Amino acid sequence: MAVKIRLSRHGKKNYAFYHIVVADSRAPRDGRLIEQIGTYNPNTNPATIVLNGEKALAWLNNGAQPTETTRRILSYEGILLKKHLQGGVAKGALTQEAADAKWNAWKAAKDAKVASKKQGLSNASDKAKKEALNAEAKVNAERAEAIAKKKAEAEAAAKAAAEEAAAEATAQEAEAPAEEPAETPAEA
């Protein structure tokens, strides 16, 4: 029986997440499995991987073959490095303490790299939000300025129209009394 370590798809359409499973290579993708050893969610940034490293290492030592994607996941989590270091210990090339020290140093560097990536993504999203707010404030100020300008023009036009109407009214009043006294003596 050929045993594979592979992904089993779950989740909604266009929003998949995967279980990392050990299954017979002849079984369907989402079908019968021997054991579930973790989960993989590619929808987050960086991708979320929860993996039982001891079980994965035990299955690799028993001869389970990972698929390409699960090989990358196992490599990302350091399981393949741990298997490689255990092979060196078995051959006598290095001691268990040295192998553990190498793996711990690699894991610490990897965790620092992931933390810096998360921090960089957080900083980038904060910067993008600030830029969007500044752009929105600029647009709002331009709109308010345009509205104030239109309002001032409308008030000036209304004031000019009112002054013109008042001047016209005073001109008509001045003409009307001047004509009436002239007509009154002519009638007499």
N, C-alpha and C. Protein backbone atom coordinates (compact mmCIF):
# COMPACT_ATOMS: atom_id res chain seq x y z
N MET A 1 0.85 -1.18 0.00
CA MET A 1 0.00 0.00 0.00
C MET A 1 0.89 1.23 0.00
N ALA A 2 0.73 2.10 -1.00
CA ALA A 2 1.51 3.33 -1.09
C ALA A 2 0.80 4.41 -0.28
N VAL A 3 1.50 4.94 0.71
CA VAL A 3 0.92 5.94 1.59
C VAL A 3 1.43 7.32 1.18
N LYS A 4 0.49 8.27 1.08
CA LYS A 4 0.82 9.64 0.69
C LYS A 4 0.44 10.60 1.81
N ILE A 5 1.22 11.65 1.93
CA ILE A 5 0.84 12.79 2.77
C ILE A 5 0.37 13.85 1.79
N ARG A 6 -0.90 14.21 1.88
CA ARG A 6 -1.45 15.13 0.89
C ARG A 6 -2.51 16.02 1.50
N LEU A 7 -3.07 16.87 0.67
CA LEU A 7 -4.08 17.82 1.13
C LEU A 7 -5.48 17.30 0.79
N SER A 8 -6.40 17.53 1.70
CA SER A 8 -7.80 17.20 1.49
C SER A 8 -8.58 18.51 1.54
N ARG A 9 -9.31 18.83 0.47
CA ARG A 9 -9.96 20.14 0.35
C ARG A 9 -11.24 20.21 1.17
N HIS A 10 -11.39 21.36 1.84
CA HIS A 10 -12.60 21.67 2.60
C HIS A 10 -12.90 23.14 2.41
N GLY A 11 -14.04 23.60 2.93
CA GLY A 11 -14.38 25.02 2.83
C GLY A 11 -15.34 25.29 1.69
N LYS A 12 -15.59 26.58 1.47
CA LYS A 12 -16.55 27.01 0.46
C LYS A 12 -15.88 27.17 -0.90
N LYS A 13 -16.71 27.36 -1.90
CA LYS A 13 -16.21 27.64 -3.24
C LYS A 13 -15.46 28.96 -3.20
N ASN A 14 -14.31 29.02 -3.84
CA ASN A 14 -13.43 30.19 -3.89
C ASN A 14 -12.88 30.59 -2.52
N TYR A 15 -13.03 29.73 -1.52
CA TYR A 15 -12.50 30.02 -0.19
C TYR A 15 -12.13 28.70 0.48
N ALA A 16 -11.22 28.00 -0.14
CA ALA A 16 -10.87 26.66 0.32
C ALA A 16 -9.84 26.71 1.44
N PHE A 17 -9.92 25.73 2.33
CA PHE A 17 -8.82 25.45 3.24
C PHE A 17 -8.64 23.94 3.20
N TYR A 18 -7.53 23.48 3.68
CA TYR A 18 -7.16 22.08 3.48
C TYR A 18 -6.78 21.42 4.79
N HIS A 19 -7.09 20.11 4.86
CA HIS A 19 -6.57 19.28 5.94
C HIS A 19 -5.36 18.56 5.37
N ILE A 20 -4.30 18.49 6.15
CA ILE A 20 -3.12 17.72 5.76
C ILE A 20 -3.35 16.32 6.31
N VAL A 21 -3.44 15.36 5.40
CA VAL A 21 -3.82 14.00 5.79
C VAL A 21 -2.81 12.97 5.28
N VAL A 22 -2.82 11.83 5.95
CA VAL A 22 -2.09 10.67 5.49
C VAL A 22 -3.14 9.71 4.94
N ALA A 23 -2.99 9.32 3.66
CA ALA A 23 -4.01 8.49 3.03
C ALA A 23 -3.36 7.53 2.05
N ASP A 24 -4.09 6.49 1.72
CA ASP A 24 -3.67 5.56 0.68
C ASP A 24 -3.72 6.31 -0.65
N SER A 25 -2.72 6.11 -1.49
CA SER A 25 -2.65 6.85 -2.74
C SER A 25 -3.81 6.51 -3.68
N ARG A 26 -4.45 5.36 -3.47
CA ARG A 26 -5.56 4.96 -4.34
C ARG A 26 -6.90 5.55 -3.87
N ALA A 27 -6.95 6.13 -2.68
CA ALA A 27 -8.19 6.70 -2.14
C ALA A 27 -8.48 8.04 -2.81
N PRO A 28 -9.76 8.43 -2.91
CA PRO A 28 -10.10 9.73 -3.49
C PRO A 28 -9.51 10.89 -2.68
N ARG A 29 -9.42 12.05 -3.32
CA ARG A 29 -8.80 13.22 -2.69
C ARG A 29 -9.41 13.55 -1.34
N ASP A 30 -10.74 13.64 -1.29
CA ASP A 30 -11.41 13.99 -0.05
C ASP A 30 -12.02 12.76 0.61
N GLY A 31 -11.59 11.60 0.18
CA GLY A 31 -12.19 10.36 0.67
C GLY A 31 -11.50 9.80 1.90
N ARG A 32 -11.39 8.48 1.90
CA ARG A 32 -10.89 7.76 3.06
C ARG A 32 -9.46 8.16 3.39
N LEU A 33 -9.20 8.38 4.66
CA LEU A 33 -7.86 8.75 5.08
C LEU A 33 -7.43 7.88 6.25
N ILE A 34 -6.13 7.84 6.47
CA ILE A 34 -5.60 7.08 7.59
C ILE A 34 -5.53 7.96 8.83
N GLU A 35 -5.00 9.16 8.67
CA GLU A 35 -4.85 10.06 9.81
C GLU A 35 -4.76 11.51 9.33
N GLN A 36 -5.34 12.42 10.11
CA GLN A 36 -5.20 13.85 9.83
C GLN A 36 -4.09 14.37 10.72
N ILE A 37 -3.10 15.04 10.09
CA ILE A 37 -1.96 15.53 10.88
C ILE A 37 -1.87 17.05 10.94
N GLY A 38 -2.79 17.78 10.27
CA GLY A 38 -2.75 19.22 10.37
C GLY A 38 -3.74 19.89 9.44
N THR A 39 -3.66 21.24 9.40
CA THR A 39 -4.50 22.04 8.51
C THR A 39 -3.65 23.09 7.83
N TYR A 40 -4.15 23.55 6.67
CA TYR A 40 -3.47 24.57 5.88
C TYR A 40 -4.52 25.51 5.34
N ASN A 41 -4.39 26.81 5.68
CA ASN A 41 -5.34 27.82 5.21
C ASN A 41 -4.60 28.84 4.36
N PRO A 42 -4.70 28.76 3.02
CA PRO A 42 -3.99 29.71 2.17
C PRO A 42 -4.68 31.06 2.03
N ASN A 43 -5.84 31.25 2.65
CA ASN A 43 -6.60 32.49 2.51
C ASN A 43 -6.05 33.62 3.36
N THR A 44 -5.24 33.30 4.36
CA THR A 44 -4.65 34.34 5.20
C THR A 44 -3.29 34.73 4.64
N ASN A 45 -2.78 35.87 5.08
CA ASN A 45 -1.45 36.30 4.62
C ASN A 45 -0.60 36.59 5.84
N PRO A 46 0.43 35.83 6.14
CA PRO A 46 0.89 34.62 5.47
C PRO A 46 -0.04 33.45 5.77
N ALA A 47 0.06 32.42 4.96
CA ALA A 47 -0.83 31.26 5.09
C ALA A 47 -0.71 30.64 6.49
N THR A 48 -1.84 30.20 7.02
CA THR A 48 -1.86 29.61 8.36
C THR A 48 -1.67 28.10 8.24
N ILE A 49 -0.65 27.60 8.93
CA ILE A 49 -0.37 26.17 8.92
C ILE A 49 -0.34 25.68 10.36
N VAL A 50 -1.19 24.69 10.65
CA VAL A 50 -1.18 24.03 11.96
C VAL A 50 -0.84 22.58 11.67
N LEU A 51 0.30 22.13 12.18
CA LEU A 51 0.80 20.81 11.82
C LEU A 51 1.36 20.11 13.05
N ASN A 52 1.00 18.84 13.22
CA ASN A 52 1.59 18.02 14.27
C ASN A 52 2.90 17.46 13.71
N GLY A 53 4.00 18.11 14.07
CA GLY A 53 5.30 17.77 13.51
C GLY A 53 5.76 16.37 13.84
N GLU A 54 5.46 15.90 15.05
CA GLU A 54 5.91 14.56 15.46
C GLU A 54 5.23 13.48 14.61
N LYS A 55 3.93 13.63 14.40
CA LYS A 55 3.22 12.64 13.57
C LYS A 55 3.70 12.68 12.13
N ALA A 56 3.91 13.90 11.60
CA ALA A 56 4.39 14.03 10.23
C ALA A 56 5.76 13.39 10.08
N LEU A 57 6.65 13.62 11.03
CA LEU A 57 7.99 13.03 11.00
C LEU A 57 7.92 11.51 11.11
N ALA A 58 7.04 11.01 11.96
CA ALA A 58 6.89 9.56 12.10
C ALA A 58 6.41 8.94 10.79
N TRP A 59 5.45 9.58 10.12
CA TRP A 59 4.96 9.03 8.85
C TRP A 59 6.03 9.12 7.77
N LEU A 60 6.81 10.20 7.75
CA LEU A 60 7.91 10.29 6.78
C LEU A 60 8.94 9.19 7.02
N ASN A 61 9.24 8.91 8.29
CA ASN A 61 10.21 7.86 8.62
C ASN A 61 9.67 6.48 8.28
N ASN A 62 8.34 6.33 8.28
CA ASN A 62 7.73 5.05 7.92
C ASN A 62 7.59 4.88 6.41
N GLY A 63 7.94 5.91 5.63
CA GLY A 63 7.94 5.77 4.18
C GLY A 63 6.82 6.48 3.45
N ALA A 64 6.04 7.29 4.13
CA ALA A 64 4.97 8.03 3.45
C ALA A 64 5.61 9.07 2.53
N GLN A 65 5.06 9.22 1.33
CA GLN A 65 5.58 10.16 0.34
C GLN A 65 4.70 11.40 0.29
N PRO A 66 5.27 12.58 0.54
CA PRO A 66 4.45 13.80 0.45
C PRO A 66 4.28 14.23 -1.00
N THR A 67 3.14 14.86 -1.29
CA THR A 67 2.94 15.45 -2.60
C THR A 67 3.76 16.73 -2.67
N GLU A 68 3.80 17.36 -3.84
CA GLU A 68 4.63 18.56 -4.01
C GLU A 68 4.23 19.68 -3.03
N THR A 69 2.95 19.93 -2.94
CA THR A 69 2.48 21.01 -2.06
C THR A 69 2.75 20.68 -0.60
N THR A 70 2.47 19.46 -0.19
CA THR A 70 2.73 19.11 1.20
C THR A 70 4.23 19.05 1.48
N ARG A 71 5.04 18.72 0.48
CA ARG A 71 6.49 18.76 0.67
C ARG A 71 6.93 20.19 0.97
N ARG A 72 6.36 21.15 0.27
CA ARG A 72 6.69 22.56 0.53
C ARG A 72 6.23 22.98 1.93
N ILE A 73 5.05 22.52 2.31
CA ILE A 73 4.53 22.85 3.65
C ILE A 73 5.43 22.24 4.72
N LEU A 74 5.80 20.98 4.54
CA LEU A 74 6.68 20.32 5.51
C LEU A 74 8.04 21.00 5.57
N SER A 75 8.52 21.44 4.44
CA SER A 75 9.79 22.16 4.40
C SER A 75 9.67 23.50 5.10
N TYR A 76 8.57 24.20 4.88
CA TYR A 76 8.32 25.48 5.50
C TYR A 76 8.28 25.35 7.02
N GLU A 77 7.71 24.26 7.50
CA GLU A 77 7.61 24.02 8.94
C GLU A 77 8.87 23.39 9.53
N GLY A 78 9.82 22.98 8.70
CA GLY A 78 11.07 22.42 9.19
C GLY A 78 11.07 20.93 9.44
N ILE A 79 10.03 20.25 9.02
CA ILE A 79 9.93 18.81 9.26
C ILE A 79 10.96 18.06 8.41
N LEU A 80 11.12 18.47 7.17
CA LEU A 80 12.10 17.80 6.31
C LEU A 80 13.52 18.05 6.80
N LEU A 81 13.82 19.22 7.33
CA LEU A 81 15.13 19.50 7.91
C LEU A 81 15.37 18.61 9.12
N LYS A 82 14.33 18.46 9.93
CA LYS A 82 14.45 17.60 11.12
C LYS A 82 14.73 16.16 10.71
N LYS A 83 14.05 15.69 9.63
CA LYS A 83 14.30 14.32 9.14
C LYS A 83 15.74 14.20 8.65
N HIS A 84 16.21 15.21 7.94
CA HIS A 84 17.58 15.21 7.43
C HIS A 84 18.59 15.16 8.58
N LEU A 85 18.34 15.96 9.61
CA LEU A 85 19.24 15.98 10.77
C LEU A 85 19.21 14.65 11.52
N GLN A 86 18.04 14.02 11.60
CA GLN A 86 17.95 12.71 12.25
C GLN A 86 18.73 11.66 11.47
N GLY A 87 18.71 11.79 10.13
CA GLY A 87 19.53 10.88 9.31
C GLY A 87 21.00 11.05 9.61
N GLY A 88 21.46 12.28 9.82
CA GLY A 88 22.84 12.54 10.18
C GLY A 88 23.19 11.97 11.53
N VAL A 89 22.26 12.05 12.48
CA VAL A 89 22.48 11.47 13.82
C VAL A 89 22.56 9.96 13.70
N ALA A 90 21.70 9.35 12.89
CA ALA A 90 21.71 7.89 12.72
C ALA A 90 23.01 7.41 12.10
N LYS A 91 23.58 8.20 11.21
CA LYS A 91 24.84 7.83 10.56
C LYS A 91 26.04 8.14 11.45
N GLY A 92 25.84 8.93 12.48
CA GLY A 92 26.93 9.29 13.38
C GLY A 92 27.68 10.52 12.93
N ALA A 93 27.16 11.26 11.97
CA ALA A 93 27.83 12.46 11.48
C ALA A 93 27.76 13.61 12.49
N LEU A 94 26.70 13.64 13.31
CA LEU A 94 26.58 14.65 14.36
C LEU A 94 25.80 14.09 15.52
N THR A 95 25.90 14.78 16.65
CA THR A 95 25.22 14.30 17.85
C THR A 95 23.79 14.83 17.87
N GLN A 96 22.98 14.23 18.74
CA GLN A 96 21.59 14.65 18.86
C GLN A 96 21.51 16.09 19.36
N GLU A 97 22.39 16.48 20.27
CA GLU A 97 22.39 17.84 20.80
C GLU A 97 22.71 18.85 19.70
N ALA A 98 23.69 18.51 18.86
CA ALA A 98 24.06 19.41 17.77
C ALA A 98 22.91 19.52 16.77
N ALA A 99 22.25 18.40 16.48
CA ALA A 99 21.12 18.41 15.56
C ALA A 99 19.98 19.26 16.12
N ASP A 100 19.70 19.09 17.43
CA ASP A 100 18.65 19.89 18.06
C ASP A 100 19.01 21.38 18.04
N ALA A 101 20.28 21.70 18.29
CA ALA A 101 20.73 23.10 18.27
C ALA A 101 20.55 23.70 16.87
N LYS A 102 20.91 22.94 15.84
CA LYS A 102 20.75 23.44 14.46
C LYS A 102 19.28 23.66 14.14
N TRP A 103 18.45 22.71 14.54
CA TRP A 103 17.03 22.85 14.23
C TRP A 103 16.42 24.02 14.99
N ASN A 104 16.79 24.19 16.26
CA ASN A 104 16.26 25.30 17.06
C ASN A 104 16.71 26.65 16.50
N ALA A 105 17.97 26.73 16.04
CA ALA A 105 18.46 27.97 15.43
C ALA A 105 17.70 28.27 14.15
N TRP A 106 17.46 27.23 13.33
CA TRP A 106 16.70 27.44 12.09
C TRP A 106 15.28 27.89 12.40
N LYS A 107 14.65 27.24 13.40
CA LYS A 107 13.27 27.56 13.76
C LYS A 107 13.16 28.99 14.28
N ALA A 108 14.14 29.43 15.08
CA ALA A 108 14.12 30.79 15.61
C ALA A 108 14.26 31.80 14.46
N ALA A 109 15.15 31.53 13.52
CA ALA A 109 15.32 32.42 12.37
C ALA A 109 14.05 32.46 11.53
N LYS A 110 13.42 31.31 11.33
CA LYS A 110 12.19 31.23 10.54
C LYS A 110 11.06 32.00 11.23
N ASP A 111 10.93 31.83 12.54
CA ASP A 111 9.88 32.54 13.28
C ASP A 111 10.10 34.06 13.22
N ALA A 112 11.37 34.49 13.30
CA ALA A 112 11.66 35.92 13.22
C ALA A 112 11.31 36.45 11.83
N LYS A 113 11.59 35.67 10.80
CA LYS A 113 11.28 36.08 9.44
C LYS A 113 9.76 36.22 9.25
N VAL A 114 9.00 35.26 9.76
CA VAL A 114 7.54 35.30 9.65
C VAL A 114 6.98 36.49 10.43
N ALA A 115 7.54 36.73 11.63
CA ALA A 115 7.07 37.86 12.45
C ALA A 115 7.36 39.19 11.74
N SER A 116 8.53 39.30 11.11
CA SER A 116 8.85 40.54 10.40
C SER A 116 7.93 40.73 9.20
N LYS A 117 7.57 39.63 8.54
CA LYS A 117 6.64 39.73 7.40
C LYS A 117 5.27 40.21 7.89
N LYS A 118 4.81 39.64 8.99
CA LYS A 118 3.51 40.06 9.53
C LYS A 118 3.56 41.53 9.93
N GLN A 119 4.67 41.95 10.55
CA GLN A 119 4.81 43.34 10.95
C GLN A 119 4.82 44.26 9.73
N GLY A 120 5.54 43.83 8.69
CA GLY A 120 5.59 44.62 7.45
C GLY A 120 4.22 44.74 6.81
N LEU A 121 3.45 43.65 6.80
CA LEU A 121 2.10 43.70 6.25
C LEU A 121 1.21 44.62 7.07
N SER A 122 1.36 44.55 8.39
CA SER A 122 0.57 45.42 9.27
C SER A 122 0.92 46.88 9.03
N ASN A 123 2.22 47.18 8.92
CA ASN A 123 2.65 48.56 8.66
C ASN A 123 2.15 49.04 7.31
N ALA A 124 2.20 48.17 6.32
CA ALA A 124 1.74 48.55 4.98
C ALA A 124 0.24 48.85 4.98
N SER A 125 -0.53 48.03 5.69
CA SER A 125 -1.98 48.28 5.73
C SER A 125 -2.29 49.57 6.49
N ASP A 126 -1.54 49.83 7.58
CA ASP A 126 -1.75 51.08 8.31
C ASP A 126 -1.40 52.28 7.44
N LYS A 127 -0.30 52.18 6.70
CA LYS A 127 0.13 53.27 5.82
C LYS A 127 -0.92 53.51 4.72
N ALA A 128 -1.44 52.42 4.16
CA ALA A 128 -2.46 52.54 3.11
C ALA A 128 -3.72 53.21 3.67
N LYS A 129 -4.11 52.86 4.89
CA LYS A 129 -5.29 53.48 5.50
C LYS A 129 -5.07 54.98 5.71
N LYS A 130 -3.87 55.35 6.20
CA LYS A 130 -3.57 56.77 6.42
C LYS A 130 -3.59 57.54 5.11
N GLU A 131 -3.00 56.96 4.06
CA GLU A 131 -3.00 57.61 2.76
C GLU A 131 -4.42 57.79 2.23
N ALA A 132 -5.25 56.76 2.42
CA ALA A 132 -6.64 56.86 1.96
C ALA A 132 -7.38 57.95 2.72
N LEU A 133 -7.15 58.03 4.04
CA LEU A 133 -7.81 59.08 4.82
C LEU A 133 -7.34 60.47 4.40
N ASN A 134 -6.03 60.61 4.15
CA ASN A 134 -5.51 61.90 3.70
C ASN A 134 -6.09 62.29 2.34
N ALA A 135 -6.18 61.33 1.43
CA ALA A 135 -6.74 61.60 0.11
C ALA A 135 -8.21 61.98 0.24
N GLU A 136 -8.93 61.29 1.12
CA GLU A 136 -10.34 61.60 1.32
C GLU A 136 -10.51 63.00 1.93
N ALA A 137 -9.65 63.35 2.88
CA ALA A 137 -9.72 64.68 3.50
C ALA A 137 -9.43 65.76 2.46
N LYS A 138 -8.47 65.49 1.57
CA LYS A 138 -8.13 66.46 0.52
C LYS A 138 -9.33 66.66 -0.41
N VAL A 139 -9.96 65.57 -0.82
CA VAL A 139 -11.12 65.65 -1.70
C VAL A 139 -12.26 66.40 -1.01
N ASN A 140 -12.46 66.09 0.27
CA ASN A 140 -13.53 66.78 1.02
C ASN A 140 -13.25 68.28 1.12
N ALA A 141 -11.98 68.66 1.34
CA ALA A 141 -11.64 70.08 1.42
C ALA A 141 -11.88 70.77 0.07
N GLU A 142 -11.51 70.10 -1.02
CA GLU A 142 -11.75 70.68 -2.34
C GLU A 142 -13.24 70.85 -2.60
N ARG A 143 -14.02 69.85 -2.21
CA ARG A 143 -15.48 69.95 -2.39
C ARG A 143 -16.05 71.09 -1.56
N ALA A 144 -15.61 71.21 -0.30
CA ALA A 144 -16.11 72.28 0.56
C ALA A 144 -15.73 73.64 0.00
N GLU A 145 -14.51 73.75 -0.54
CA GLU A 145 -14.07 75.01 -1.15
C GLU A 145 -14.92 75.36 -2.37
N ALA A 146 -15.21 74.34 -3.20
CA ALA A 146 -16.04 74.58 -4.39
C ALA A 146 -17.46 74.98 -3.99
N ILE A 147 -17.98 74.34 -2.98
CA ILE A 147 -19.34 74.67 -2.51
C ILE A 147 -19.36 76.09 -1.94
N ALA A 148 -18.34 76.45 -1.16
CA ALA A 148 -18.27 77.79 -0.59
C ALA A 148 -18.15 78.84 -1.70
N LYS A 149 -17.37 78.53 -2.74
CA LYS A 149 -17.21 79.46 -3.86
C LYS A 149 -18.54 79.66 -4.59
N LYS A 150 -19.25 78.57 -4.85
CA LYS A 150 -20.57 78.67 -5.51
C LYS A 150 -21.54 79.46 -4.65
N LYS A 151 -21.50 79.21 -3.33
CA LYS A 151 -22.40 79.91 -2.42
C LYS A 151 -22.09 81.40 -2.41
N ALA A 152 -20.79 81.75 -2.38
CA ALA A 152 -20.39 83.16 -2.39
C ALA A 152 -20.82 83.82 -3.70
N GLU A 153 -20.66 83.12 -4.83
CA GLU A 153 -21.08 83.67 -6.12
C GLU A 153 -22.60 83.87 -6.14
N ALA A 154 -23.33 82.91 -5.59
CA ALA A 154 -24.79 83.02 -5.56
C ALA A 154 -25.22 84.19 -4.68
N GLU A 155 -24.54 84.35 -3.53
CA GLU A 155 -24.87 85.47 -2.64
C GLU A 155 -24.53 86.80 -3.31
N ALA A 156 -23.38 86.85 -3.98
CA ALA A 156 -23.00 88.09 -4.68
C ALA A 156 -24.00 88.42 -5.78
N ALA A 157 -24.42 87.39 -6.53
CA ALA A 157 -25.41 87.61 -7.59
C ALA A 157 -26.73 88.06 -6.99
N ALA A 158 -27.14 87.47 -5.88
CA ALA A 158 -28.40 87.85 -5.24
C ALA A 158 -28.31 89.28 -4.70
N LYS A 159 -27.16 89.63 -4.11
CA LYS A 159 -26.97 90.98 -3.59
C LYS A 159 -26.97 92.01 -4.72
N ALA A 160 -26.30 91.66 -5.83
CA ALA A 160 -26.28 92.56 -6.99
C ALA A 160 -27.69 92.72 -7.56
N ALA A 161 -28.43 91.60 -7.62
CA ALA A 161 -29.80 91.68 -8.13
C ALA A 161 -30.66 92.52 -7.20
N ALA A 162 -30.46 92.38 -5.89
CA ALA A 162 -31.25 93.16 -4.94
C ALA A 162 -30.91 94.64 -5.05
N GLU A 163 -29.60 94.96 -5.18
CA GLU A 163 -29.19 96.36 -5.34
C GLU A 163 -29.75 96.94 -6.64
N GLU A 164 -29.70 96.14 -7.70
CA GLU A 164 -30.22 96.58 -9.00
C GLU A 164 -31.73 96.83 -8.91
N ALA A 165 -32.42 95.92 -8.22
CA ALA A 165 -33.87 96.08 -8.07
C ALA A 165 -34.17 97.32 -7.22
N ALA A 166 -33.38 97.53 -6.17
CA ALA A 166 -33.59 98.71 -5.32
C ALA A 166 -33.30 99.98 -6.10
N ALA A 167 -32.23 99.99 -6.89
CA ALA A 167 -31.90 101.17 -7.69
C ALA A 167 -32.99 101.42 -8.73
N GLU A 168 -33.50 100.38 -9.32
CA GLU A 168 -34.56 100.50 -10.31
C GLU A 168 -35.83 101.04 -9.66
N ALA A 169 -36.11 100.53 -8.45
CA ALA A 169 -37.30 100.97 -7.73
C ALA A 169 -37.18 102.45 -7.37
N THR A 170 -36.00 102.88 -6.91
CA THR A 170 -35.81 104.31 -6.57
C THR A 170 -35.87 105.17 -7.81
N ALA A 171 -35.37 104.66 -8.93
CA ALA A 171 -35.43 105.42 -10.19
C ALA A 171 -36.88 105.57 -10.63
N GLN A 172 -37.68 104.52 -10.51
CA GLN A 172 -39.09 104.59 -10.89
C GLN A 172 -39.84 105.53 -9.96
N GLU A 173 -39.51 105.51 -8.67
CA GLU A 173 -40.17 106.42 -7.72
C GLU A 173 -39.80 107.87 -8.02
N ALA A 174 -38.55 108.08 -8.41
CA ALA A 174 -38.11 109.45 -8.72
C ALA A 174 -38.79 109.94 -10.00
N GLU A 175 -38.98 109.08 -10.98
CA GLU A 175 -39.62 109.47 -12.23
C GLU A 175 -41.12 109.69 -12.03
N ALA A 176 -41.77 108.86 -11.27
CA ALA A 176 -43.21 108.95 -11.09
C ALA A 176 -43.62 110.25 -10.39
N PRO A 177 -43.01 110.69 -9.30
CA PRO A 177 -43.42 111.95 -8.68
C PRO A 177 -43.08 113.15 -9.57
N ALA A 178 -42.04 113.10 -10.34
CA ALA A 178 -41.67 114.22 -11.20
C ALA A 178 -42.70 114.39 -12.31
N GLU A 179 -43.26 113.34 -12.83
CA GLU A 179 -44.26 113.43 -13.89
C GLU A 179 -45.60 113.88 -13.35
N GLU A 180 -46.00 113.46 -12.18
CA GLU A 180 -47.30 113.80 -11.63
C GLU A 180 -47.45 115.31 -11.37
N PRO A 181 -46.48 116.02 -10.81
CA PRO A 181 -46.70 117.45 -10.64
C PRO A 181 -46.79 118.18 -11.97
N ALA A 182 -46.12 117.69 -12.96
CA ALA A 182 -46.18 118.34 -14.28
C ALA A 182 -47.57 118.19 -14.87
N GLU A 183 -48.20 117.11 -14.69
CA GLU A 183 -49.52 116.84 -15.25
C GLU A 183 -50.59 117.60 -14.45
N THR A 184 -50.40 117.79 -13.23
CA THR A 184 -51.40 118.44 -12.41
C THR A 184 -51.59 119.92 -12.84
N PRO A 185 -50.51 120.68 -13.07
CA PRO A 185 -50.77 122.05 -13.50
C PRO A 185 -51.37 122.09 -14.91
N ALA A 186 -51.10 121.15 -15.75
CA ALA A 186 -51.65 121.17 -17.09
C ALA A 186 -53.14 120.93 -17.05
N GLU A 187 -53.61 120.19 -16.12
CA GLU A 187 -55.05 119.92 -16.02
C GLU A 187 -55.77 121.16 -15.50
N ALA A 188 -55.14 121.98 -14.76
CA ALA A 188 -55.80 123.12 -14.15
C ALA A 188 -56.01 124.23 -15.09
